[in-house]
């Protein structure tokens, strides 16, 4: 496998089209979400507004976005401080197994720590076994909590 020069950086508005393609691939395998480019575009635009409680990172190689990860800070009463919720961890198929997902998670973890987060929560589709196995190999563990959802 060829060596690949990958940069992890904060996403910009000009990255939205590339991130939409990544989300399309991710949501195609997630059972709870459907691809709706207008909704995902709106969500990315909101995430990219300047706010110290949000972080959107991309992995870039040869001036092409090949991966992404998002995080948001919330207050955890259990922790008595901030926690970060990590979502949208995805790397293009052709670039997987090269440590890019690991680097994205490390960078977002460092961001969360620098913001004072005491815990990281990561949402993953339980049926996406390759993703769940990947996270578990990196030391993430499943909890007894269940994510419930209600649309407004």
Protein backbone atom coordinates (compact mmCIF):
# COMPACT_ATOMS: atom_id res chain seq x y z
CA UNK A 1 0.00 0.00 0.00
CA UNK A 2 1.41 3.39 -1.00
CA UNK A 3 2.29 5.90 1.67
CA UNK A 4 -0.29 8.64 1.85
CA UNK A 5 0.28 12.18 3.09
CA UNK A 6 -2.86 12.95 5.10
CA UNK A 7 -3.65 16.19 6.89
CA UNK A 8 -6.27 16.43 9.63
CA UNK A 9 -7.72 19.94 9.79
CA UNK A 10 -10.82 21.88 10.77
CA UNK A 11 -13.43 21.78 8.03
CA UNK A 12 -14.44 24.87 6.10
CA UNK A 13 -17.62 25.80 4.24
CA UNK A 14 -15.83 24.94 0.98
CA UNK A 15 -15.62 21.31 2.18
CA UNK A 16 -19.39 20.82 2.39
CA UNK A 17 -19.80 19.06 -0.98
CA UNK A 18 -17.09 16.55 -0.09
CA UNK A 19 -18.56 16.02 3.37
CA UNK A 20 -22.02 15.46 1.86
CA UNK A 21 -20.56 12.60 -0.19
CA UNK A 22 -19.03 11.10 2.95
CA UNK A 23 -22.32 11.40 4.85
CA UNK A 24 -24.14 9.81 1.92
CA UNK A 25 -21.87 6.77 2.21
CA UNK A 26 -22.28 6.67 5.99
CA UNK A 27 -26.05 7.05 6.03
CA UNK A 28 -26.41 4.39 3.34
CA UNK A 29 -25.30 1.81 5.92
CA UNK A 30 -26.97 3.29 9.01
CA UNK A 31 -30.47 2.05 9.75
CA UNK A 32 -31.69 5.15 11.62
CA UNK A 33 -30.85 7.79 9.04
CA UNK A 34 -31.70 8.43 5.42
CA UNK A 35 -29.75 10.34 2.84
CA UNK A 36 -31.32 13.77 2.37
CA UNK A 37 -28.70 16.12 0.99
CA UNK A 38 -30.66 19.26 1.82
CA UNK A 39 -30.97 18.22 5.49
CA UNK A 40 -27.35 17.13 5.70
CA UNK A 41 -26.21 20.38 4.04
CA UNK A 42 -28.22 22.38 6.59
CA UNK A 43 -26.70 20.35 9.44
CA UNK A 44 -23.16 20.85 8.16
CA UNK A 45 -23.72 24.58 7.70
CA UNK A 46 -24.95 24.81 11.30
CA UNK A 47 -21.99 22.76 12.55
CA UNK A 48 -19.55 24.99 10.69
CA UNK A 49 -20.84 28.22 12.19
CA UNK A 50 -18.25 29.61 14.56
CA UNK A 51 -18.97 28.10 17.97
CA UNK A 52 -16.39 26.83 20.46
CA UNK A 53 -18.76 23.99 21.42
CA UNK A 54 -18.60 22.34 17.99
CA UNK A 55 -15.79 20.73 16.04
CA UNK A 56 -15.81 19.43 12.47
CA UNK A 57 -12.61 17.80 11.27
CA UNK A 58 -11.68 16.48 7.86
CA UNK A 59 -8.89 14.26 6.64
CA UNK A 60 -7.38 15.53 3.41
CA UNK A 61 -5.01 13.86 0.95
CA UNK A 62 -3.93 15.33 -2.39
CA UNK A 63 -6.30 18.28 -1.84
CA UNK A 64 -9.24 15.87 -1.53
CA UNK A 65 -11.37 15.35 1.57
CA UNK A 66 -11.27 11.62 2.31
CA UNK A 67 -12.68 11.48 5.83
CA UNK A 68 -14.50 13.44 8.50
CA UNK A 69 -15.58 13.49 12.12
CA UNK A 70 -17.84 15.82 14.13
CA UNK A 71 -18.19 16.54 17.83
CA UNK A 72 -20.28 18.75 20.10
CA UNK A 73 -19.90 19.63 23.76
CA UNK A 74 -22.69 19.10 26.27
CA UNK A 75 -22.83 19.33 30.04
CA UNK A 76 -22.86 15.98 31.80
CA UNK A 77 -24.41 16.04 35.25
CA UNK A 78 -22.91 12.57 35.83
CA UNK A 79 -19.41 13.91 35.16
CA UNK A 80 -20.00 17.30 36.74
CA UNK A 81 -18.62 18.96 33.63
CA UNK A 82 -18.41 18.81 29.89
CA UNK A 83 -18.57 15.78 27.66
CA UNK A 84 -18.23 15.54 23.89
CA UNK A 85 -20.56 13.60 21.64
CA UNK A 86 -18.76 12.32 18.56
CA UNK A 87 -20.67 11.52 15.38
CA UNK A 88 -20.16 11.23 11.63
CA UNK A 89 -16.88 9.33 11.74
CA UNK A 90 -16.37 8.18 8.18
CA UNK A 91 -13.47 7.54 5.79
CA UNK A 92 -13.85 6.83 2.08
CA UNK A 93 -13.71 3.11 1.35
CA UNK A 94 -10.54 3.35 -0.74
CA UNK A 95 -8.66 4.96 2.17
CA UNK A 96 -9.72 2.71 5.04
CA UNK A 97 -7.24 0.62 7.06
CA UNK A 98 -4.57 3.33 6.76
CA UNK A 99 -4.98 4.85 10.23
CA UNK A 100 -7.05 7.82 9.05
CA UNK A 101 -10.02 7.05 11.31
CA UNK A 102 -7.63 6.65 14.23
CA UNK A 103 -6.09 10.05 13.48
CA UNK A 104 -9.50 11.71 13.19
CA UNK A 105 -10.60 10.28 16.54
CA UNK A 106 -7.34 11.25 18.19
CA UNK A 107 -7.62 14.81 16.89
CA UNK A 108 -11.25 15.20 17.98
CA UNK A 109 -10.37 13.69 21.38
CA UNK A 110 -7.57 16.23 21.78
CA UNK A 111 -9.97 19.03 20.84
CA UNK A 112 -12.50 17.82 23.42
CA UNK A 113 -9.83 17.55 26.10
CA UNK A 114 -8.60 21.05 25.34
CA UNK A 115 -12.18 22.28 25.85
CA UNK A 116 -12.31 20.64 29.28
CA UNK A 117 -14.39 17.59 28.37
CA UNK A 118 -14.24 14.83 30.97
CA UNK A 119 -15.82 12.11 28.82
CA UNK A 120 -16.36 11.19 25.19
CA UNK A 121 -19.52 9.56 23.90
CA UNK A 122 -19.60 8.11 20.41
CA UNK A 123 -22.72 7.19 18.49
CA UNK A 124 -22.48 4.25 16.09
CA UNK A 125 -25.01 2.06 14.35
CA UNK A 126 -25.05 -1.23 16.28
CA UNK A 127 -25.52 -3.14 13.02
CA UNK A 128 -22.36 -1.64 11.53
CA UNK A 129 -20.14 -4.36 13.00
CA UNK A 130 -16.92 -3.23 11.26
CA UNK A 131 -17.32 0.22 12.83
CA UNK A 132 -18.22 -1.12 16.28
CA UNK A 133 -15.25 -3.54 16.15
CA UNK A 134 -12.96 -0.66 15.08
CA UNK A 135 -14.05 1.47 18.04
CA UNK A 136 -13.70 -1.40 20.48
CA UNK A 137 -10.15 -2.08 19.26
CA UNK A 138 -9.38 1.56 20.09
CA UNK A 139 -10.58 1.14 23.67
CA UNK A 140 -14.18 2.34 23.33
CA UNK A 141 -16.66 0.22 25.25
CA UNK A 142 -20.39 -0.22 24.97
CA UNK A 143 -22.43 1.07 27.89
CA UNK A 144 -25.74 0.00 29.33
CA UNK A 145 -27.32 3.20 28.02
CA UNK A 146 -29.75 3.04 25.13
CA UNK A 147 -30.16 5.92 22.73
CA UNK A 148 -33.82 6.81 22.33
CA UNK A 149 -35.07 9.29 19.78
CA UNK A 150 -38.24 11.29 19.20
CA UNK A 151 -38.76 13.59 16.25
CA UNK A 152 -40.36 16.98 16.75
